[in-house]
Amino acid sequence: MSNGLDLTGRIALVTGGGTGIGLILARSFAKNGAKVYITGRRLEVLEKTAAEESSYGFVPLQMDITDKESVQKAITMIGEKDRKLDILVNNAGISGPTFPFIVDRSSPEHKTMGESLFTQFSFDQWTDVLKTNTIAPFFVTMGFLSLLQRGAESREGETSSVINISSGAGTTNLSLTSFAYGVSKAGINHLTSMMATEFALSKIPVRVNCIAPGLFPSQMGNPFADADNRVSQPMPGGLLPVPAGRIGKESEIGTAAVFLASSAGEYTNGIVMLIDGGHNLVNP
């Protein structure tokens, strides 16, 4: 019996797919048979990734998720080439400004929280984080919605899948040194619920779900883990270290994304899946 995780014949697009979690998810989709576009602002990074990981057949596609003209060019290109999209992953994001006051209160400039956070950071820094992490996924999804509907129509009785990538920072009450980042991820969690609801009520055959990762491998390694990927200390601004005692494995988040993107996930809509080794259990 098929396990329903086969993605053969499906077209996937992963924003920020050239590095980090985006690349992990792109690999997972390709391993299960999908054709995968990896997008980002830096074409040279995408082309380098595609060349180094040629066995996956990634298609590099330059796209700035905060620029509607850039997004439209990508929509037009995929529409002309493949005529549909089955899987959209809104992964690209930025961390934004971090607040040293949270972890270092000894320096004179960090004398009080109000002085530190009011004087050192700007409205524009917050705006950039919200624009990239919360607002851009809305416009990217709406821009690709017609192609996603075509994807669903190509598979009788099934839907297409949008997967938003959030963070455990979106559900914990701790700032973890960046108020703006946590707020932006709480926003995409709620955006997920709203889009899933409105699409369902409008009979649009596109499911929208969200994955909220904890600590996973990144391009430069994970600064919170040792050489063996173990974690023994709390994250900056956190209370306790992750109970699992390590960062996550590629298969642990990749398999979750494949499930949400595949026929096996057809009955799953509007969820926020926290995959964090229990971090938010002890950092509520």
C-alpha atoms as a PDB file:
ATOM      1  CA  MET A   1       0.000   0.000   0.000  1.00  0.00           C
ATOM      2  CA  SER A   2       1.294   3.467  -0.871  1.00  0.00           C
ATOM      3  CA  ASN A   3       2.087   5.628   2.136  1.00  0.00           C
ATOM      4  CA  GLY A   4       0.829   8.723   0.321  1.00  0.00           C
ATOM      5  CA  LEU A   5       4.158  10.571   0.563  1.00  0.00           C
ATOM      6  CA  ASP A   6       5.079  10.248  -3.120  1.00  0.00           C
ATOM      7  CA  LEU A   7       5.452  13.682  -4.716  1.00  0.00           C
ATOM      8  CA  THR A   8       6.213  12.504  -8.244  1.00  0.00           C
ATOM      9  CA  GLY A   9       4.840  14.913 -10.831  1.00  0.00           C
ATOM     10  CA  ARG A  10       4.416  17.766  -8.368  1.00  0.00           C
ATOM     11  CA  ILE A  11       6.000  21.182  -8.729  1.00  0.00           C
ATOM     12  CA  ALA A  12       7.331  22.802  -5.558  1.00  0.00           C
ATOM     13  CA  LEU A  13       8.737  26.244  -4.824  1.00  0.00           C
ATOM     14  CA  VAL A  14      10.731  26.996  -1.679  1.00  0.00           C
ATOM     15  CA  THR A  15      11.562  30.624  -0.918  1.00  0.00           C
ATOM     16  CA  GLY A  16      14.959  31.003   0.680  1.00  0.00           C
ATOM     17  CA  GLY A  17      15.655  27.513  -0.651  1.00  0.00           C
ATOM     18  CA  GLY A  18      19.377  27.898  -1.201  1.00  0.00           C
ATOM     19  CA  THR A  19      20.452  27.566   2.439  1.00  0.00           C
ATOM     20  CA  GLY A  20      19.360  26.464   5.909  1.00  0.00           C
ATOM     21  CA  ILE A  21      15.919  25.051   6.578  1.00  0.00           C
ATOM     22  CA  GLY A  22      14.758  25.998   3.088  1.00  0.00           C
ATOM     23  CA  LEU A  23      17.418  23.766   1.566  1.00  0.00           C
ATOM     24  CA  ILE A  24      16.538  20.942   3.965  1.00  0.00           C
ATOM     25  CA  LEU A  25      12.916  21.075   2.794  1.00  0.00           C
ATOM     26  CA  ALA A  26      13.895  21.360  -0.872  1.00  0.00           C
ATOM     27  CA  ARG A  27      16.003  18.206  -0.541  1.00  0.00           C
ATOM     28  CA  SER A  28      13.132  16.378   1.135  1.00  0.00           C
ATOM     29  CA  PHE A  29      10.674  17.239  -1.630  1.00  0.00           C
ATOM     30  CA  ALA A  30      13.152  16.264  -4.357  1.00  0.00           C
ATOM     31  CA  LYS A  31      13.924  12.950  -2.669  1.00  0.00           C
ATOM     32  CA  ASN A  32      10.215  12.156  -2.820  1.00  0.00           C
ATOM     33  CA  GLY A  33       9.927  12.938  -6.531  1.00  0.00           C
ATOM     34  CA  ALA A  34       9.021  16.640  -6.793  1.00  0.00           C
ATOM     35  CA  LYS A  35      10.535  19.160  -9.171  1.00  0.00           C
ATOM     36  CA  VAL A  36      11.797  21.928  -6.883  1.00  0.00           C
ATOM     37  CA  TYR A  37      12.393  25.602  -7.576  1.00  0.00           C
ATOM     38  CA  ILE A  38      14.656  27.241  -5.013  1.00  0.00           C
ATOM     39  CA  THR A  39      14.327  31.007  -4.833  1.00  0.00           C
ATOM     40  CA  GLY A  40      16.155  33.874  -3.182  1.00  0.00           C
ATOM     41  CA  ARG A  41      17.525  37.340  -3.866  1.00  0.00           C
ATOM     42  CA  ARG A  42      21.080  36.113  -4.537  1.00  0.00           C
ATOM     43  CA  LEU A  43      21.111  34.139  -7.785  1.00  0.00           C
ATOM     44  CA  GLU A  44      24.758  33.160  -7.331  1.00  0.00           C
ATOM     45  CA  VAL A  45      23.936  31.398  -4.051  1.00  0.00           C
ATOM     46  CA  LEU A  46      21.066  29.497  -5.674  1.00  0.00           C
ATOM     47  CA  GLU A  47      23.165  28.461  -8.667  1.00  0.00           C
ATOM     48  CA  LYS A  48      25.998  27.338  -6.393  1.00  0.00           C
ATOM     49  CA  THR A  49      23.589  25.203  -4.359  1.00  0.00           C
ATOM     50  CA  ALA A  50      22.024  23.706  -7.490  1.00  0.00           C
ATOM     51  CA  ALA A  51      25.477  22.819  -8.851  1.00  0.00           C
ATOM     52  CA  GLU A  52      26.769  21.355  -5.597  1.00  0.00           C
ATOM     53  CA  GLU A  53      23.599  19.302  -5.099  1.00  0.00           C
ATOM     54  CA  SER A  54      22.981  18.446  -8.739  1.00  0.00           C
ATOM     55  CA  SER A  55      21.477  15.058  -7.939  1.00  0.00           C
ATOM     56  CA  TYR A  56      18.349  16.814  -6.653  1.00  0.00           C
ATOM     57  CA  GLY A  57      17.697  18.681  -9.885  1.00  0.00           C
ATOM     58  CA  PHE A  58      16.960  22.003  -8.208  1.00  0.00           C
ATOM     59  CA  VAL A  59      15.917  24.874 -10.469  1.00  0.00           C
ATOM     60  CA  PRO A  60      17.405  28.167  -9.218  1.00  0.00           C
ATOM     61  CA  LEU A  61      15.061  31.129  -9.616  1.00  0.00           C
ATOM     62  CA  GLN A  62      15.885  34.638  -8.468  1.00  0.00           C
ATOM     63  CA  MET A  63      12.977  36.199  -6.583  1.00  0.00           C
ATOM     64  CA  ASP A  64      12.746  38.925  -3.959  1.00  0.00           C
ATOM     65  CA  ILE A  65       9.687  38.124  -1.857  1.00  0.00           C
ATOM     66  CA  THR A  66       9.311  41.774  -0.806  1.00  0.00           C
ATOM     67  CA  ASP A  67       9.116  43.017  -4.417  1.00  0.00           C
ATOM     68  CA  LYS A  68       5.821  42.354  -6.230  1.00  0.00           C
ATOM     69  CA  GLU A  69       7.400  42.845  -9.642  1.00  0.00           C
ATOM     70  CA  SER A  70      10.037  40.220  -8.829  1.00  0.00           C
ATOM     71  CA  VAL A  71       7.375  37.818  -7.554  1.00  0.00           C
ATOM     72  CA  GLN A  72       5.269  38.380 -10.691  1.00  0.00           C
ATOM     73  CA  LYS A  73       8.229  37.502 -12.924  1.00  0.00           C
ATOM     74  CA  ALA A  74       8.603  34.188 -11.081  1.00  0.00           C
ATOM     75  CA  ILE A  75       4.860  33.502 -11.354  1.00  0.00           C
ATOM     76  CA  THR A  76       4.949  34.153 -15.102  1.00  0.00           C
ATOM     77  CA  MET A  77       8.011  31.973 -15.649  1.00  0.00           C
ATOM     78  CA  ILE A  78       6.614  28.976 -13.753  1.00  0.00           C
ATOM     79  CA  GLY A  79       3.217  29.461 -15.387  1.00  0.00           C
ATOM     80  CA  GLU A  80       4.770  29.342 -18.857  1.00  0.00           C
ATOM     81  CA  LYS A  81       7.098  26.447 -18.083  1.00  0.00           C
ATOM     82  CA  ASP A  82       5.034  24.165 -15.837  1.00  0.00           C
ATOM     83  CA  ARG A  83       1.532  25.683 -15.991  1.00  0.00           C
ATOM     84  CA  LYS A  84       0.921  24.857 -12.308  1.00  0.00           C
ATOM     85  CA  LEU A  85       2.331  24.793  -8.794  1.00  0.00           C
ATOM     86  CA  ASP A  86       1.505  22.078  -6.257  1.00  0.00           C
ATOM     87  CA  ILE A  87       3.597  23.077  -3.229  1.00  0.00           C
ATOM     88  CA  LEU A  88       4.576  26.531  -1.994  1.00  0.00           C
ATOM     89  CA  VAL A  89       6.862  26.948   1.011  1.00  0.00           C
ATOM     90  CA  ASN A  90       7.117  30.449   2.470  1.00  0.00           C
ATOM     91  CA  ASN A  91      10.450  29.995   4.205  1.00  0.00           C
ATOM     92  CA  ALA A  92      12.535  33.103   3.468  1.00  0.00           C
ATOM     93  CA  GLY A  93      12.888  35.396   6.457  1.00  0.00           C
ATOM     94  CA  ILE A  94      15.172  37.634   8.473  1.00  0.00           C
ATOM     95  CA  SER A  95      15.967  37.706  12.185  1.00  0.00           C
ATOM     96  CA  GLY A  96      16.007  41.461  12.565  1.00  0.00           C
ATOM     97  CA  PRO A  97      17.572  43.450  15.403  1.00  0.00           C
ATOM     98  CA  THR A  98      18.591  41.650  18.572  1.00  0.00           C
ATOM     99  CA  PHE A  99      18.474  43.330  21.947  1.00  0.00           C
ATOM    100  CA  PRO A 100      21.717  43.007  23.939  1.00  0.00           C
ATOM    101  CA  PHE A 101      19.943  44.244  27.062  1.00  0.00           C
ATOM    102  CA  ILE A 102      18.251  40.869  27.420  1.00  0.00           C
ATOM    103  CA  VAL A 103      21.532  38.998  27.864  1.00  0.00           C
ATOM    104  CA  ASP A 104      23.990  41.730  28.920  1.00  0.00           C
ATOM    105  CA  ARG A 105      22.758  44.286  31.433  1.00  0.00           C
ATOM    106  CA  SER A 106      26.186  45.344  32.651  1.00  0.00           C
ATOM    107  CA  SER A 107      27.160  47.869  29.962  1.00  0.00           C
ATOM    108  CA  PRO A 108      26.271  51.530  30.553  1.00  0.00           C
ATOM    109  CA  GLU A 109      24.227  51.725  27.347  1.00  0.00           C
ATOM    110  CA  HIS A 110      22.087  48.854  28.612  1.00  0.00           C
ATOM    111  CA  LYS A 111      21.353  50.537  31.934  1.00  0.00           C
ATOM    112  CA  THR A 112      17.592  50.248  31.625  1.00  0.00           C
ATOM    113  CA  MET A 113      15.372  48.302  29.256  1.00  0.00           C
ATOM    114  CA  GLY A 114      13.451  51.373  28.149  1.00  0.00           C
ATOM    115  CA  GLU A 115      16.538  53.404  27.326  1.00  0.00           C
ATOM    116  CA  SER A 116      18.232  50.486  25.597  1.00  0.00           C
ATOM    117  CA  LEU A 117      15.343  49.396  23.397  1.00  0.00           C
ATOM    118  CA  PHE A 118      13.990  52.890  22.670  1.00  0.00           C
ATOM    119  CA  THR A 119      17.244  54.541  21.665  1.00  0.00           C
ATOM    120  CA  GLN A 120      19.155  51.762  19.888  1.00  0.00           C
ATOM    121  CA  PHE A 121      16.523  50.561  17.429  1.00  0.00           C
ATOM    122  CA  SER A 122      14.212  52.088  14.842  1.00  0.00           C
ATOM    123  CA  PHE A 123      10.761  51.796  13.318  1.00  0.00           C
ATOM    124  CA  ASP A 124      12.397  50.838  10.023  1.00  0.00           C
ATOM    125  CA  GLN A 125      14.114  47.818  11.594  1.00  0.00           C
ATOM    126  CA  TRP A 126      10.771  46.514  12.860  1.00  0.00           C
ATOM    127  CA  THR A 127       9.129  47.273   9.529  1.00  0.00           C
ATOM    128  CA  ASP A 128      11.745  45.262   7.628  1.00  0.00           C
ATOM    129  CA  VAL A 129      11.153  42.206   9.825  1.00  0.00           C
ATOM    130  CA  LEU A 130       7.364  42.355   9.561  1.00  0.00           C
ATOM    131  CA  LYS A 131       7.507  43.052   5.819  1.00  0.00           C
ATOM    132  CA  THR A 132       9.737  40.045   5.161  1.00  0.00           C
ATOM    133  CA  ASN A 133       8.455  37.499   7.681  1.00  0.00           C
ATOM    134  CA  THR A 134       4.719  38.219   7.772  1.00  0.00           C
ATOM    135  CA  ILE A 135       3.554  40.458   4.939  1.00  0.00           C
ATOM    136  CA  ALA A 136       5.598  38.961   2.083  1.00  0.00           C
ATOM    137  CA  PRO A 137       4.230  35.406   2.585  1.00  0.00           C
ATOM    138  CA  PHE A 138       0.717  36.838   2.168  1.00  0.00           C
ATOM    139  CA  PHE A 139       1.529  38.430  -1.186  1.00  0.00           C
ATOM    140  CA  VAL A 140       3.594  35.474  -2.426  1.00  0.00           C
ATOM    141  CA  THR A 141       0.751  33.082  -1.614  1.00  0.00           C
ATOM    142  CA  MET A 142      -1.896  35.245  -3.241  1.00  0.00           C
ATOM    143  CA  GLY A 143       0.301  35.755  -6.284  1.00  0.00           C
ATOM    144  CA  PHE A 144       0.780  32.019  -6.805  1.00  0.00           C
ATOM    145  CA  LEU A 145      -2.778  31.063  -5.828  1.00  0.00           C
ATOM    146  CA  SER A 146      -4.046  30.567  -9.382  1.00  0.00           C
ATOM    147  CA  LEU A 147      -1.140  28.236 -10.193  1.00  0.00           C
ATOM    148  CA  LEU A 148      -1.752  26.368  -6.935  1.00  0.00           C
ATOM    149  CA  GLN A 149      -5.384  25.906  -7.927  1.00  0.00           C
ATOM    150  CA  ARG A 150      -4.242  24.511 -11.271  1.00  0.00           C
ATOM    151  CA  GLY A 151      -2.017  22.094  -9.374  1.00  0.00           C
ATOM    152  CA  ALA A 152      -4.975  20.810  -7.413  1.00  0.00           C
ATOM    153  CA  GLU A 153      -7.065  20.461 -10.571  1.00  0.00           C
ATOM    154  CA  SER A 154      -4.335  18.256 -12.087  1.00  0.00           C
ATOM    155  CA  ARG A 155      -4.871  15.710  -9.299  1.00  0.00           C
ATOM    156  CA  GLU A 156      -8.552  14.803  -9.077  1.00  0.00           C
ATOM    157  CA  GLY A 157     -10.022  15.134  -5.616  1.00  0.00           C
ATOM    158  CA  GLU A 158      -6.850  16.564  -4.058  1.00  0.00           C
ATOM    159  CA  THR A 159      -5.548  19.947  -2.980  1.00  0.00           C
ATOM    160  CA  SER A 160      -2.358  21.922  -3.307  1.00  0.00           C
ATOM    161  CA  SER A 161      -0.315  22.811  -0.235  1.00  0.00           C
ATOM    162  CA  VAL A 162       1.088  26.019   1.208  1.00  0.00           C
ATOM    163  CA  ILE A 163       3.537  25.584   4.089  1.00  0.00           C
ATOM    164  CA  ASN A 164       4.544  28.665   6.063  1.00  0.00           C
ATOM    165  CA  ILE A 165       7.744  28.442   8.091  1.00  0.00           C
ATOM    166  CA  SER A 166       7.361  30.126  11.458  1.00  0.00           C
ATOM    167  CA  SER A 167       9.433  29.610  14.620  1.00  0.00           C
ATOM    168  CA  GLY A 168       9.071  28.606  18.234  1.00  0.00           C
ATOM    169  CA  ALA A 169       9.660  32.317  18.856  1.00  0.00           C
ATOM    170  CA  GLY A 170       6.128  32.897  17.630  1.00  0.00           C
ATOM    171  CA  THR A 171       4.530  31.040  20.541  1.00  0.00           C
ATOM    172  CA  THR A 172       6.864  31.594  23.488  1.00  0.00           C
ATOM    173  CA  ASN A 173       6.305  34.653  25.691  1.00  0.00           C
ATOM    174  CA  LEU A 174      10.070  35.215  25.918  1.00  0.00           C
ATOM    175  CA  SER A 175      11.682  37.685  23.523  1.00  0.00           C
ATOM    176  CA  LEU A 176      14.780  35.466  23.027  1.00  0.00           C
ATOM    177  CA  THR A 177      16.587  38.792  22.357  1.00  0.00           C
ATOM    178  CA  SER A 178      14.348  39.892  19.454  1.00  0.00           C
ATOM    179  CA  PHE A 179      10.867  41.266  20.046  1.00  0.00           C
ATOM    180  CA  ALA A 180      10.353  42.012  16.350  1.00  0.00           C
ATOM    181  CA  TYR A 181      11.161  38.464  15.214  1.00  0.00           C
ATOM    182  CA  GLY A 182       8.794  36.832  17.695  1.00  0.00           C
ATOM    183  CA  VAL A 183       5.976  39.203  16.798  1.00  0.00           C
ATOM    184  CA  SER A 184       6.512  38.567  13.073  1.00  0.00           C
ATOM    185  CA  LYS A 185       6.327  34.802  13.602  1.00  0.00           C
ATOM    186  CA  ALA A 186       3.210  35.068  15.756  1.00  0.00           C
ATOM    187  CA  GLY A 187       1.802  37.014  12.820  1.00  0.00           C
ATOM    188  CA  ILE A 188       2.510  34.282  10.281  1.00  0.00           C
ATOM    189  CA  ASN A 189       0.954  31.722  12.631  1.00  0.00           C
ATOM    190  CA  HIS A 190      -2.288  33.704  12.604  1.00  0.00           C
ATOM    191  CA  LEU A 191      -1.991  34.413   8.881  1.00  0.00           C
ATOM    192  CA  THR A 192      -1.838  30.646   8.342  1.00  0.00           C
ATOM    193  CA  SER A 193      -5.138  30.153  10.167  1.00  0.00           C
ATOM    194  CA  MET A 194      -6.811  33.009   8.329  1.00  0.00           C
ATOM    195  CA  MET A 195      -5.741  31.896   4.848  1.00  0.00           C
ATOM    196  CA  ALA A 196      -6.658  28.269   5.544  1.00  0.00           C
ATOM    197  CA  THR A 197     -10.108  29.366   6.713  1.00  0.00           C
ATOM    198  CA  GLU A 198     -10.811  31.771   3.868  1.00  0.00           C
ATOM    199  CA  PHE A 199      -9.632  29.323   1.196  1.00  0.00           C
ATOM    200  CA  ALA A 200     -11.794  26.563   2.677  1.00  0.00           C
ATOM    201  CA  LEU A 201     -14.874  28.789   2.871  1.00  0.00           C
ATOM    202  CA  SER A 202     -14.276  29.945  -0.714  1.00  0.00           C
ATOM    203  CA  LYS A 203     -13.896  26.333  -1.943  1.00  0.00           C
ATOM    204  CA  ILE A 204     -10.344  27.017  -3.095  1.00  0.00           C
ATOM    205  CA  PRO A 205      -8.536  23.625  -3.136  1.00  0.00           C
ATOM    206  CA  VAL A 206      -5.404  24.858  -1.368  1.00  0.00           C
ATOM    207  CA  ARG A 207      -4.504  23.874   2.191  1.00  0.00           C
ATOM    208  CA  VAL A 208      -2.376  26.171   4.341  1.00  0.00           C
ATOM    209  CA  ASN A 209      -0.335  24.846   7.250  1.00  0.00           C
ATOM    210  CA  CYS A 210       2.632  26.063   9.238  1.00  0.00           C
ATOM    211  CA  ILE A 211       5.785  24.508  10.686  1.00  0.00           C
ATOM    212  CA  ALA A 212       7.384  26.226  13.681  1.00  0.00           C
ATOM    213  CA  PRO A 213      10.939  24.879  14.002  1.00  0.00           C
ATOM    214  CA  GLY A 214      13.203  25.029  16.994  1.00  0.00           C
ATOM    215  CA  LEU A 215      16.970  24.621  16.581  1.00  0.00           C
ATOM    216  CA  PHE A 216      18.039  23.009  13.287  1.00  0.00           C
ATOM    217  CA  PRO A 217      21.244  22.958  11.210  1.00  0.00           C
ATOM    218  CA  SER A 218      22.061  26.140   9.329  1.00  0.00           C
ATOM    219  CA  GLN A 219      24.535  27.135   6.619  1.00  0.00           C
ATOM    220  CA  MET A 220      27.160  28.084   9.178  1.00  0.00           C
ATOM    221  CA  GLY A 221      26.356  25.423  11.762  1.00  0.00           C
ATOM    222  CA  ASN A 222      24.240  26.132  14.811  1.00  0.00           C
ATOM    223  CA  PRO A 223      25.820  28.574  17.275  1.00  0.00           C
ATOM    224  CA  PHE A 224      23.860  27.075  20.169  1.00  0.00           C
ATOM    225  CA  ALA A 225      25.178  23.529  19.673  1.00  0.00           C
ATOM    226  CA  ASP A 226      28.565  21.849  20.110  1.00  0.00           C
ATOM    227  CA  ALA A 227      30.412  19.886  17.441  1.00  0.00           C
ATOM    228  CA  ASP A 228      28.167  16.863  18.086  1.00  0.00           C
ATOM    229  CA  ASN A 229      24.992  18.958  17.735  1.00  0.00           C
ATOM    230  CA  ARG A 230      24.290  18.700  21.464  1.00  0.00           C
ATOM    231  CA  VAL A 231      22.689  21.591  23.342  1.00  0.00           C
ATOM    232  CA  SER A 232      23.376  21.961  27.058  1.00  0.00           C
ATOM    233  CA  GLN A 233      22.725  25.672  27.669  1.00  0.00           C
ATOM    234  CA  PRO A 234      19.615  27.820  27.259  1.00  0.00           C
ATOM    235  CA  MET A 235      19.368  30.028  24.196  1.00  0.00           C
ATOM    236  CA  PRO A 236      20.162  33.694  24.901  1.00  0.00           C
ATOM    237  CA  GLY A 237      17.165  35.108  26.720  1.00  0.00           C
ATOM    238  CA  GLY A 238      15.818  31.621  27.425  1.00  0.00           C
ATOM    239  CA  LEU A 239      15.158  29.866  30.721  1.00  0.00           C
ATOM    240  CA  LEU A 240      16.208  26.254  30.151  1.00  0.00           C
ATOM    241  CA  PRO A 241      18.002  24.277  27.409  1.00  0.00           C
ATOM    242  CA  VAL A 242      15.974  22.230  24.943  1.00  0.00           C
ATOM    243  CA  PRO A 243      14.860  18.980  26.691  1.00  0.00           C
ATOM    244  CA  ALA A 244      15.940  16.840  23.732  1.00  0.00           C
ATOM    245  CA  GLY A 245      19.512  17.969  24.435  1.00  0.00           C
ATOM    246  CA  ARG A 246      20.339  18.477  20.747  1.00  0.00           C
ATOM    247  CA  ILE A 247      19.356  20.357  17.632  1.00  0.00           C
ATOM    248  CA  GLY A 248      16.903  18.764  15.223  1.00  0.00           C
ATOM    249  CA  LYS A 249      17.782  16.404  12.383  1.00  0.00           C
ATOM    250  CA  GLU A 250      17.034  17.120   8.738  1.00  0.00           C
ATOM    251  CA  SER A 251      14.726  14.112   8.508  1.00  0.00           C
ATOM    252  CA  GLU A 252      12.650  15.319  11.462  1.00  0.00           C
ATOM    253  CA  ILE A 253      11.556  18.522   9.784  1.00  0.00           C
ATOM    254  CA  GLY A 254      11.816  17.281   6.195  1.00  0.00           C
ATOM    255  CA  THR A 255       9.418  14.394   6.748  1.00  0.00           C
ATOM    256  CA  ALA A 256       6.920  16.729   8.404  1.00  0.00           C
ATOM    257  CA  ALA A 257       6.982  19.027   5.380  1.00  0.00           C
ATOM    258  CA  VAL A 258       6.586  16.127   2.944  1.00  0.00           C
ATOM    259  CA  PHE A 259       3.573  14.922   4.936  1.00  0.00           C
ATOM    260  CA  LEU A 260       1.903  18.335   4.771  1.00  0.00           C
ATOM    261  CA  ALA A 261       2.664  18.616   1.046  1.00  0.00           C
ATOM    262  CA  SER A 262       1.504  15.125   0.073  1.00  0.00           C
ATOM    263  CA  SER A 263      -1.673  13.120  -0.312  1.00  0.00           C
ATOM    264  CA  ALA A 264      -1.115  11.802   3.217  1.00  0.00           C
ATOM    265  CA  GLY A 265      -1.700  15.323   4.537  1.00  0.00           C
ATOM    266  CA  GLU A 266      -4.949  15.984   2.688  1.00  0.00           C
ATOM    267  CA  TYR A 267      -6.991  16.017   5.916  1.00  0.00           C
ATOM    268  CA  THR A 268      -4.635  18.460   7.645  1.00  0.00           C
ATOM    269  CA  ASN A 269      -5.389  22.153   7.278  1.00  0.00           C
ATOM    270  CA  GLY A 270      -4.710  25.298   9.314  1.00  0.00           C
ATOM    271  CA  ILE A 271      -2.314  23.826  11.873  1.00  0.00           C
ATOM    272  CA  VAL A 272       0.887  25.194  13.384  1.00  0.00           C
ATOM    273  CA  MET A 273       3.213  22.221  13.902  1.00  0.00           C
ATOM    274  CA  LEU A 274       5.830  22.919  16.568  1.00  0.00           C
ATOM    275  CA  ILE A 275       8.983  20.847  15.961  1.00  0.00           C
ATOM    276  CA  ASP A 276      11.388  22.020  18.637  1.00  0.00           C
ATOM    277  CA  GLY A 277      12.513  19.107  20.810  1.00  0.00           C
ATOM    278  CA  GLY A 278      10.340  20.429  23.641  1.00  0.00           C
ATOM    279  CA  HIS A 279      12.024  23.855  23.832  1.00  0.00           C
ATOM    280  CA  ASN A 280       8.785  25.782  24.300  1.00  0.00           C
ATOM    281  CA  LEU A 281       7.621  23.368  27.012  1.00  0.00           C
ATOM    282  CA  VAL A 282      10.328  24.731  29.288  1.00  0.00           C
ATOM    283  CA  ASN A 283      10.487  28.230  27.796  1.00  0.00           C
ATOM    284  CA  PRO A 284       6.774  29.130  27.750  1.00  0.00           C
END
